[in-house]
mmCIF file of all heavy atoms, coordinates in Angstrom:
data_MODEL
# 
_entry.id   MODEL 
# 
loop_
_atom_site.group_PDB 
_atom_site.id 
_atom_site.type_symbol 
_atom_site.label_atom_id 
_atom_site.label_alt_id 
_atom_site.label_comp_id 
_atom_site.label_asym_id 
_atom_site.label_entity_id 
_atom_site.label_seq_id 
_atom_site.pdbx_PDB_ins_code 
_atom_site.Cartn_x 
_atom_site.Cartn_y 
_atom_site.Cartn_z 
_atom_site.occupancy 
_atom_site.B_iso_or_equiv 
_atom_site.pdbx_formal_charge 
_atom_site.auth_seq_id 
_atom_site.auth_comp_id 
_atom_site.auth_asym_id 
_atom_site.auth_atom_id 
_atom_site.pdbx_PDB_model_num 
ATOM 1   N N   . PRO A 1 1  ? 0.793  -1.231  -0.002  1.00 0.00 ? 1  PRO A N   1 
ATOM 2   C CA  . PRO A 1 1  ? 0.002  0.002   0.001   1.00 0.00 ? 1  PRO A CA  1 
ATOM 3   C C   . PRO A 1 1  ? 0.827  1.276   -0.001  1.00 0.00 ? 1  PRO A C   1 
ATOM 4   O O   . PRO A 1 1  ? 1.888  1.353   0.614   1.00 0.00 ? 1  PRO A O   1 
ATOM 5   C CB  . PRO A 1 1  ? -0.812 -0.109  1.301   1.00 0.00 ? 1  PRO A CB  1 
ATOM 6   C CG  . PRO A 1 1  ? -0.029 -1.038  2.171   1.00 0.00 ? 1  PRO A CG  1 
ATOM 7   C CD  . PRO A 1 1  ? 0.654  -1.985  1.256   1.00 0.00 ? 1  PRO A CD  1 
ATOM 8   N N   . ALA A 1 2  ? 0.305  2.279   -0.716  1.00 0.00 ? 2  ALA A N   1 
ATOM 9   C CA  . ALA A 1 2  ? 0.826  3.649   -0.696  1.00 0.00 ? 2  ALA A CA  1 
ATOM 10  C C   . ALA A 1 2  ? -0.387 4.542   -0.475  1.00 0.00 ? 2  ALA A C   1 
ATOM 11  O O   . ALA A 1 2  ? -1.244 4.666   -1.357  1.00 0.00 ? 2  ALA A O   1 
ATOM 12  C CB  . ALA A 1 2  ? 1.540  3.995   -1.993  1.00 0.00 ? 2  ALA A CB  1 
ATOM 13  N N   . VAL A 1 3  ? -0.487 5.152   0.687   1.00 0.00 ? 3  VAL A N   1 
ATOM 14  C CA  . VAL A 1 3  ? -1.730 5.789   1.124   1.00 0.00 ? 3  VAL A CA  1 
ATOM 15  C C   . VAL A 1 3  ? -1.456 7.233   1.526   1.00 0.00 ? 3  VAL A C   1 
ATOM 16  O O   . VAL A 1 3  ? -0.448 7.534   2.185   1.00 0.00 ? 3  VAL A O   1 
ATOM 17  C CB  . VAL A 1 3  ? -2.331 5.008   2.319   1.00 0.00 ? 3  VAL A CB  1 
ATOM 18  C CG1 . VAL A 1 3  ? -3.593 5.679   2.826   1.00 0.00 ? 3  VAL A CG1 1 
ATOM 19  C CG2 . VAL A 1 3  ? -2.604 3.563   1.919   1.00 0.00 ? 3  VAL A CG2 1 
ATOM 20  N N   . GLY A 1 4  ? -2.370 8.124   1.154   1.00 0.00 ? 4  GLY A N   1 
ATOM 21  C CA  . GLY A 1 4  ? -2.289 9.519   1.584   1.00 0.00 ? 4  GLY A CA  1 
ATOM 22  C C   . GLY A 1 4  ? -0.970 10.149  1.205   1.00 0.00 ? 4  GLY A C   1 
ATOM 23  O O   . GLY A 1 4  ? -0.557 10.144  0.040   1.00 0.00 ? 4  GLY A O   1 
ATOM 24  N N   . ALA A 1 5  ? -0.282 10.722  2.208   1.00 0.00 ? 5  ALA A N   1 
ATOM 25  C CA  . ALA A 1 5  ? 1.014  11.348  1.953   1.00 0.00 ? 5  ALA A CA  1 
ATOM 26  C C   . ALA A 1 5  ? 1.994  10.330  1.392   1.00 0.00 ? 5  ALA A C   1 
ATOM 27  O O   . ALA A 1 5  ? 2.910  10.685  0.643   1.00 0.00 ? 5  ALA A O   1 
ATOM 28  C CB  . ALA A 1 5  ? 1.554  11.976  3.222   1.00 0.00 ? 5  ALA A CB  1 
ATOM 29  N N   . GLY A 1 6  ? 1.807  9.056   1.739   1.00 0.00 ? 6  GLY A N   1 
ATOM 30  C CA  . GLY A 1 6  ? 2.678  8.011   1.205   1.00 0.00 ? 6  GLY A CA  1 
ATOM 31  C C   . GLY A 1 6  ? 2.527  7.873   -0.305  1.00 0.00 ? 6  GLY A C   1 
ATOM 32  O O   . GLY A 1 6  ? 3.516  7.691   -1.027  1.00 0.00 ? 6  GLY A O   1 
ATOM 33  N N   . TRP A 1 7  ? 1.287  7.947   -0.797  1.00 0.00 ? 7  TRP A N   1 
ATOM 34  C CA  . TRP A 1 7  ? 1.099  7.892   -2.249  1.00 0.00 ? 7  TRP A CA  1 
ATOM 35  C C   . TRP A 1 7  ? 1.672  9.139   -2.907  1.00 0.00 ? 7  TRP A C   1 
ATOM 36  O O   . TRP A 1 7  ? 2.354  9.064   -3.940  1.00 0.00 ? 7  TRP A O   1 
ATOM 37  C CB  . TRP A 1 7  ? -0.381 7.739   -2.592  1.00 0.00 ? 7  TRP A CB  1 
ATOM 38  C CG  . TRP A 1 7  ? -0.634 7.444   -4.051  1.00 0.00 ? 7  TRP A CG  1 
ATOM 39  C CD1 . TRP A 1 7  ? 0.306  7.174   -5.000  1.00 0.00 ? 7  TRP A CD1 1 
ATOM 40  C CD2 . TRP A 1 7  ? -1.890 7.380   -4.702  1.00 0.00 ? 7  TRP A CD2 1 
ATOM 41  N NE1 . TRP A 1 7  ? -0.298 6.948   -6.229  1.00 0.00 ? 7  TRP A NE1 1 
ATOM 42  C CE2 . TRP A 1 7  ? -1.644 7.074   -6.071  1.00 0.00 ? 7  TRP A CE2 1 
ATOM 43  C CE3 . TRP A 1 7  ? -3.209 7.562   -4.284  1.00 0.00 ? 7  TRP A CE3 1 
ATOM 44  C CZ2 . TRP A 1 7  ? -2.665 6.939   -6.995  1.00 0.00 ? 7  TRP A CZ2 1 
ATOM 45  C CZ3 . TRP A 1 7  ? -4.218 7.420   -5.205  1.00 0.00 ? 7  TRP A CZ3 1 
ATOM 46  C CH2 . TRP A 1 7  ? -3.962 7.120   -6.551  1.00 0.00 ? 7  TRP A CH2 1 
ATOM 47  N N   . ASN A 1 8  ? 1.471  10.298  -2.313  1.00 0.00 ? 8  ASN A N   1 
ATOM 48  C CA  . ASN A 1 8  ? 2.003  11.523  -2.906  1.00 0.00 ? 8  ASN A CA  1 
ATOM 49  C C   . ASN A 1 8  ? 3.529  11.555  -2.860  1.00 0.00 ? 8  ASN A C   1 
ATOM 50  O O   . ASN A 1 8  ? 4.164  12.183  -3.722  1.00 0.00 ? 8  ASN A O   1 
ATOM 51  C CB  . ASN A 1 8  ? 1.392  12.742  -2.218  1.00 0.00 ? 8  ASN A CB  1 
ATOM 52  C CG  . ASN A 1 8  ? -0.081 12.884  -2.542  1.00 0.00 ? 8  ASN A CG  1 
ATOM 53  O OD1 . ASN A 1 8  ? -0.551 12.379  -3.564  1.00 0.00 ? 8  ASN A OD1 1 
ATOM 54  N ND2 . ASN A 1 8  ? -0.836 13.539  -1.676  1.00 0.00 ? 8  ASN A ND2 1 
ATOM 55  N N   . LEU A 1 9  ? 4.111  10.875  -1.875  1.00 0.00 ? 9  LEU A N   1 
ATOM 56  C CA  . LEU A 1 9  ? 5.560  10.743  -1.850  1.00 0.00 ? 9  LEU A CA  1 
ATOM 57  C C   . LEU A 1 9  ? 6.031  9.950   -3.070  1.00 0.00 ? 9  LEU A C   1 
ATOM 58  O O   . LEU A 1 9  ? 7.014  10.307  -3.717  1.00 0.00 ? 9  LEU A O   1 
ATOM 59  C CB  . LEU A 1 9  ? 5.985  10.040  -0.559  1.00 0.00 ? 9  LEU A CB  1 
ATOM 60  C CG  . LEU A 1 9  ? 7.462  10.062  -0.179  1.00 0.00 ? 9  LEU A CG  1 
ATOM 61  C CD1 . LEU A 1 9  ? 7.958  11.490  0.037   1.00 0.00 ? 9  LEU A CD1 1 
ATOM 62  C CD2 . LEU A 1 9  ? 7.676  9.220   1.083   1.00 0.00 ? 9  LEU A CD2 1 
ATOM 63  N N   . ALA A 1 10 ? 5.308  8.884   -3.399  1.00 0.00 ? 10 ALA A N   1 
ATOM 64  C CA  . ALA A 1 10 ? 5.638  8.105   -4.595  1.00 0.00 ? 10 ALA A CA  1 
ATOM 65  C C   . ALA A 1 10 ? 5.412  8.926   -5.853  1.00 0.00 ? 10 ALA A C   1 
ATOM 66  O O   . ALA A 1 10 ? 6.250  8.921   -6.781  1.00 0.00 ? 10 ALA A O   1 
ATOM 67  C CB  . ALA A 1 10 ? 4.810  6.822   -4.628  1.00 0.00 ? 10 ALA A CB  1 
ATOM 68  N N   . LEU A 1 11 ? 4.294  9.653   -5.921  1.00 0.00 ? 11 LEU A N   1 
ATOM 69  C CA  . LEU A 1 11 ? 3.993  10.467  -7.110  1.00 0.00 ? 11 LEU A CA  1 
ATOM 70  C C   . LEU A 1 11 ? 4.994  11.590  -7.290  1.00 0.00 ? 11 LEU A C   1 
ATOM 71  O O   . LEU A 1 11 ? 5.184  12.085  -8.402  1.00 0.00 ? 11 LEU A O   1 
ATOM 72  C CB  . LEU A 1 11 ? 2.584  11.042  -7.007  1.00 0.00 ? 11 LEU A CB  1 
ATOM 73  C CG  . LEU A 1 11 ? 1.427  10.048  -7.071  1.00 0.00 ? 11 LEU A CG  1 
ATOM 74  C CD1 . LEU A 1 11 ? 0.098  10.776  -6.896  1.00 0.00 ? 11 LEU A CD1 1 
ATOM 75  C CD2 . LEU A 1 11 ? 1.447  9.253   -8.369  1.00 0.00 ? 11 LEU A CD2 1 
ATOM 76  N N   . GLY A 1 12 ? 5.651  12.005  -6.213  1.00 0.00 ? 12 GLY A N   1 
ATOM 77  C CA  . GLY A 1 12 ? 6.674  13.035  -6.312  1.00 0.00 ? 12 GLY A CA  1 
ATOM 78  C C   . GLY A 1 12 ? 7.955  12.542  -6.958  1.00 0.00 ? 12 GLY A C   1 
ATOM 79  O O   . GLY A 1 12 ? 8.813  13.367  -7.318  1.00 0.00 ? 12 GLY A O   1 
ATOM 80  N N   . CYS A 1 13 ? 8.086  11.218  -7.122  1.00 0.00 ? 13 CYS A N   1 
ATOM 81  C CA  . CYS A 1 13 ? 9.242  10.671  -7.817  1.00 0.00 ? 13 CYS A CA  1 
ATOM 82  C C   . CYS A 1 13 ? 9.012  10.757  -9.326  1.00 0.00 ? 13 CYS A C   1 
ATOM 83  O O   . CYS A 1 13 ? 7.880  10.847  -9.793  1.00 0.00 ? 13 CYS A O   1 
ATOM 84  C CB  . CYS A 1 13 ? 9.471  9.219   -7.396  1.00 0.00 ? 13 CYS A CB  1 
ATOM 85  S SG  . CYS A 1 13 ? 10.000 9.044   -5.665  1.00 0.00 ? 13 CYS A SG  1 
ATOM 86  N N   . ASP A 1 14 ? 10.075 10.679  -10.075 1.00 0.00 ? 14 ASP A N   1 
ATOM 87  C CA  . ASP A 1 14 ? 9.987  10.816  -11.531 1.00 0.00 ? 14 ASP A CA  1 
ATOM 88  C C   . ASP A 1 14 ? 9.380  9.586   -12.188 1.00 0.00 ? 14 ASP A C   1 
ATOM 89  O O   . ASP A 1 14 ? 8.681  9.696   -13.198 1.00 0.00 ? 14 ASP A O   1 
ATOM 90  C CB  . ASP A 1 14 ? 11.379 11.066  -12.130 1.00 0.00 ? 14 ASP A CB  1 
ATOM 91  C CG  . ASP A 1 14 ? 12.026 12.311  -11.546 1.00 0.00 ? 14 ASP A CG  1 
ATOM 92  O OD1 . ASP A 1 14 ? 11.339 13.355  -11.477 1.00 0.00 ? 14 ASP A OD1 1 
ATOM 93  O OD2 . ASP A 1 14 ? 13.200 12.240  -11.138 1.00 0.00 ? 14 ASP A OD2 1 
ATOM 94  N N   . LEU A 1 15 ? 9.643  8.416   -11.634 1.00 0.00 ? 15 LEU A N   1 
ATOM 95  C CA  . LEU A 1 15 ? 9.135  7.160   -12.162 1.00 0.00 ? 15 LEU A CA  1 
ATOM 96  C C   . LEU A 1 15 ? 8.610  6.321   -11.002 1.00 0.00 ? 15 LEU A C   1 
ATOM 97  O O   . LEU A 1 15 ? 9.144  6.384   -9.903  1.00 0.00 ? 15 LEU A O   1 
ATOM 98  C CB  . LEU A 1 15 ? 10.258 6.385   -12.888 1.00 0.00 ? 15 LEU A CB  1 
ATOM 99  C CG  . LEU A 1 15 ? 10.959 7.124   -14.042 1.00 0.00 ? 15 LEU A CG  1 
ATOM 100 C CD1 . LEU A 1 15 ? 12.217 6.377   -14.451 1.00 0.00 ? 15 LEU A CD1 1 
ATOM 101 C CD2 . LEU A 1 15 ? 10.023 7.307   -15.216 1.00 0.00 ? 15 LEU A CD2 1 
ATOM 102 N N   . VAL A 1 16 ? 7.551  5.559   -11.245 1.00 0.00 ? 16 VAL A N   1 
ATOM 103 C CA  . VAL A 1 16 ? 6.950  4.732   -10.197 1.00 0.00 ? 16 VAL A CA  1 
ATOM 104 C C   . VAL A 1 16 ? 6.844  3.304   -10.698 1.00 0.00 ? 16 VAL A C   1 
ATOM 105 O O   . VAL A 1 16 ? 6.207  3.044   -11.733 1.00 0.00 ? 16 VAL A O   1 
ATOM 106 C CB  . VAL A 1 16 ? 5.551  5.244   -9.798  1.00 0.00 ? 16 VAL A CB  1 
ATOM 107 C CG1 . VAL A 1 16 ? 4.968  4.354   -8.695  1.00 0.00 ? 16 VAL A CG1 1 
ATOM 108 C CG2 . VAL A 1 16 ? 5.613  6.696   -9.336  1.00 0.00 ? 16 VAL A CG2 1 
ATOM 109 N N   . VAL A 1 17 ? 7.465  2.370   -9.995  1.00 0.00 ? 17 VAL A N   1 
ATOM 110 C CA  . VAL A 1 17 ? 7.375  0.945   -10.286 1.00 0.00 ? 17 VAL A CA  1 
ATOM 111 C C   . VAL A 1 17 ? 6.542  0.314   -9.192  1.00 0.00 ? 17 VAL A C   1 
ATOM 112 O O   . VAL A 1 17 ? 6.859  0.437   -8.003  1.00 0.00 ? 17 VAL A O   1 
ATOM 113 C CB  . VAL A 1 17 ? 8.762  0.290   -10.352 1.00 0.00 ? 17 VAL A CB  1 
ATOM 114 C CG1 . VAL A 1 17 ? 8.640  -1.182  -10.740 1.00 0.00 ? 17 VAL A CG1 1 
ATOM 115 C CG2 . VAL A 1 17 ? 9.689  1.029   -11.296 1.00 0.00 ? 17 VAL A CG2 1 
ATOM 116 N N   . ALA A 1 18 ? 5.472  -0.384  -9.584  1.00 0.00 ? 18 ALA A N   1 
ATOM 117 C CA  . ALA A 1 18 ? 4.593  -1.042  -8.620  1.00 0.00 ? 18 ALA A CA  1 
ATOM 118 C C   . ALA A 1 18 ? 4.569  -2.534  -8.893  1.00 0.00 ? 18 ALA A C   1 
ATOM 119 O O   . ALA A 1 18 ? 5.020  -3.006  -9.947  1.00 0.00 ? 18 ALA A O   1 
ATOM 120 C CB  . ALA A 1 18 ? 3.183  -0.452  -8.704  1.00 0.00 ? 18 ALA A CB  1 
ATOM 121 N N   . THR A 1 19 ? 4.015  -3.271  -7.960  1.00 0.00 ? 19 THR A N   1 
ATOM 122 C CA  . THR A 1 19 ? 3.757  -4.702  -8.140  1.00 0.00 ? 19 THR A CA  1 
ATOM 123 C C   . THR A 1 19 ? 2.249  -4.904  -8.194  1.00 0.00 ? 19 THR A C   1 
ATOM 124 O O   . THR A 1 19 ? 1.475  -4.011  -7.798  1.00 0.00 ? 19 THR A O   1 
ATOM 125 C CB  . THR A 1 19 ? 4.343  -5.529  -6.998  1.00 0.00 ? 19 THR A CB  1 
ATOM 126 O OG1 . THR A 1 19 ? 3.662  -5.202  -5.769  1.00 0.00 ? 19 THR A OG1 1 
ATOM 127 C CG2 . THR A 1 19 ? 5.846  -5.233  -6.827  1.00 0.00 ? 19 THR A CG2 1 
ATOM 128 N N   . PRO A 1 20 ? 1.781  -6.056  -8.665  1.00 0.00 ? 20 PRO A N   1 
ATOM 129 C CA  . PRO A 1 20 ? 0.337  -6.299  -8.710  1.00 0.00 ? 20 PRO A CA  1 
ATOM 130 C C   . PRO A 1 20 ? -0.332 -6.198  -7.350  1.00 0.00 ? 20 PRO A C   1 
ATOM 131 O O   . PRO A 1 20 ? -1.543 -5.956  -7.261  1.00 0.00 ? 20 PRO A O   1 
ATOM 132 C CB  . PRO A 1 20 ? 0.232  -7.727  -9.282  1.00 0.00 ? 20 PRO A CB  1 
ATOM 133 C CG  . PRO A 1 20 ? 1.476  -7.893  -10.087 1.00 0.00 ? 20 PRO A CG  1 
ATOM 134 C CD  . PRO A 1 20 ? 2.543  -7.148  -9.327  1.00 0.00 ? 20 PRO A CD  1 
ATOM 135 N N   . GLU A 1 21 ? 0.432  -6.383  -6.282  1.00 0.00 ? 21 GLU A N   1 
ATOM 136 C CA  . GLU A 1 21 ? -0.121 -6.306  -4.926  1.00 0.00 ? 21 GLU A CA  1 
ATOM 137 C C   . GLU A 1 21 ? -0.249 -4.873  -4.414  1.00 0.00 ? 21 GLU A C   1 
ATOM 138 O O   . GLU A 1 21 ? -0.859 -4.643  -3.359  1.00 0.00 ? 21 GLU A O   1 
ATOM 139 C CB  . GLU A 1 21 ? 0.771  -7.098  -3.958  1.00 0.00 ? 21 GLU A CB  1 
ATOM 140 C CG  . GLU A 1 21 ? 0.841  -8.586  -4.230  1.00 0.00 ? 21 GLU A CG  1 
ATOM 141 C CD  . GLU A 1 21 ? 1.751  -8.962  -5.395  1.00 0.00 ? 21 GLU A CD  1 
ATOM 142 O OE1 . GLU A 1 21 ? 2.620  -8.133  -5.766  1.00 0.00 ? 21 GLU A OE1 1 
ATOM 143 O OE2 . GLU A 1 21 ? 1.580  -10.064 -5.947  1.00 0.00 ? 21 GLU A OE2 1 
ATOM 144 N N   . SER A 1 22 ? 0.296  -3.910  -5.117  1.00 0.00 ? 22 SER A N   1 
ATOM 145 C CA  . SER A 1 22 ? 0.266  -2.519  -4.665  1.00 0.00 ? 22 SER A CA  1 
ATOM 146 C C   . SER A 1 22 ? -1.153 -1.952  -4.708  1.00 0.00 ? 22 SER A C   1 
ATOM 147 O O   . SER A 1 22 ? -1.918 -2.256  -5.612  1.00 0.00 ? 22 SER A O   1 
ATOM 148 C CB  . SER A 1 22 ? 1.169  -1.653  -5.561  1.00 0.00 ? 22 SER A CB  1 
ATOM 149 O OG  . SER A 1 22 ? 2.497  -2.141  -5.577  1.00 0.00 ? 22 SER A OG  1 
ATOM 150 N N   . THR A 1 23 ? -1.473 -1.149  -3.721  1.00 0.00 ? 23 THR A N   1 
ATOM 151 C CA  . THR A 1 23 ? -2.746 -0.420  -3.690  1.00 0.00 ? 23 THR A CA  1 
ATOM 152 C C   . THR A 1 23 ? -2.463 1.026   -3.352  1.00 0.00 ? 23 THR A C   1 
ATOM 153 O O   . THR A 1 23 ? -1.465 1.356   -2.709  1.00 0.00 ? 23 THR A O   1 
ATOM 154 C CB  . THR A 1 23 ? -3.720 -1.019  -2.667  1.00 0.00 ? 23 THR A CB  1 
ATOM 155 O OG1 . THR A 1 23 ? -3.097 -1.014  -1.364  1.00 0.00 ? 23 THR A OG1 1 
ATOM 156 C CG2 . THR A 1 23 ? -4.128 -2.431  -3.034  1.00 0.00 ? 23 THR A CG2 1 
ATOM 157 N N   . PHE A 1 24 ? -3.383 1.900   -3.789  1.00 0.00 ? 24 PHE A N   1 
ATOM 158 C CA  . PHE A 1 24 ? -3.161 3.338   -3.667  1.00 0.00 ? 24 PHE A CA  1 
ATOM 159 C C   . PHE A 1 24 ? -4.451 4.036   -3.229  1.00 0.00 ? 24 PHE A C   1 
ATOM 160 O O   . PHE A 1 24 ? -5.533 3.673   -3.707  1.00 0.00 ? 24 PHE A O   1 
ATOM 161 C CB  . PHE A 1 24 ? -2.719 3.909   -5.029  1.00 0.00 ? 24 PHE A CB  1 
ATOM 162 C CG  . PHE A 1 24 ? -1.523 3.220   -5.605  1.00 0.00 ? 24 PHE A CG  1 
ATOM 163 C CD1 . PHE A 1 24 ? -1.660 2.099   -6.415  1.00 0.00 ? 24 PHE A CD1 1 
ATOM 164 C CD2 . PHE A 1 24 ? -0.243 3.688   -5.361  1.00 0.00 ? 24 PHE A CD2 1 
ATOM 165 C CE1 . PHE A 1 24 ? -0.563 1.467   -6.955  1.00 0.00 ? 24 PHE A CE1 1 
ATOM 166 C CE2 . PHE A 1 24 ? 0.870  3.054   -5.888  1.00 0.00 ? 24 PHE A CE2 1 
ATOM 167 C CZ  . PHE A 1 24 ? 0.705  1.941   -6.694  1.00 0.00 ? 24 PHE A CZ  1 
# 
């Protein structure tokens, strides 16, 4: 999971690599 500020922390990166288990 990437939730709230955690998701925006990921979105602040230039590239995002996720796995099928990731949730947002």
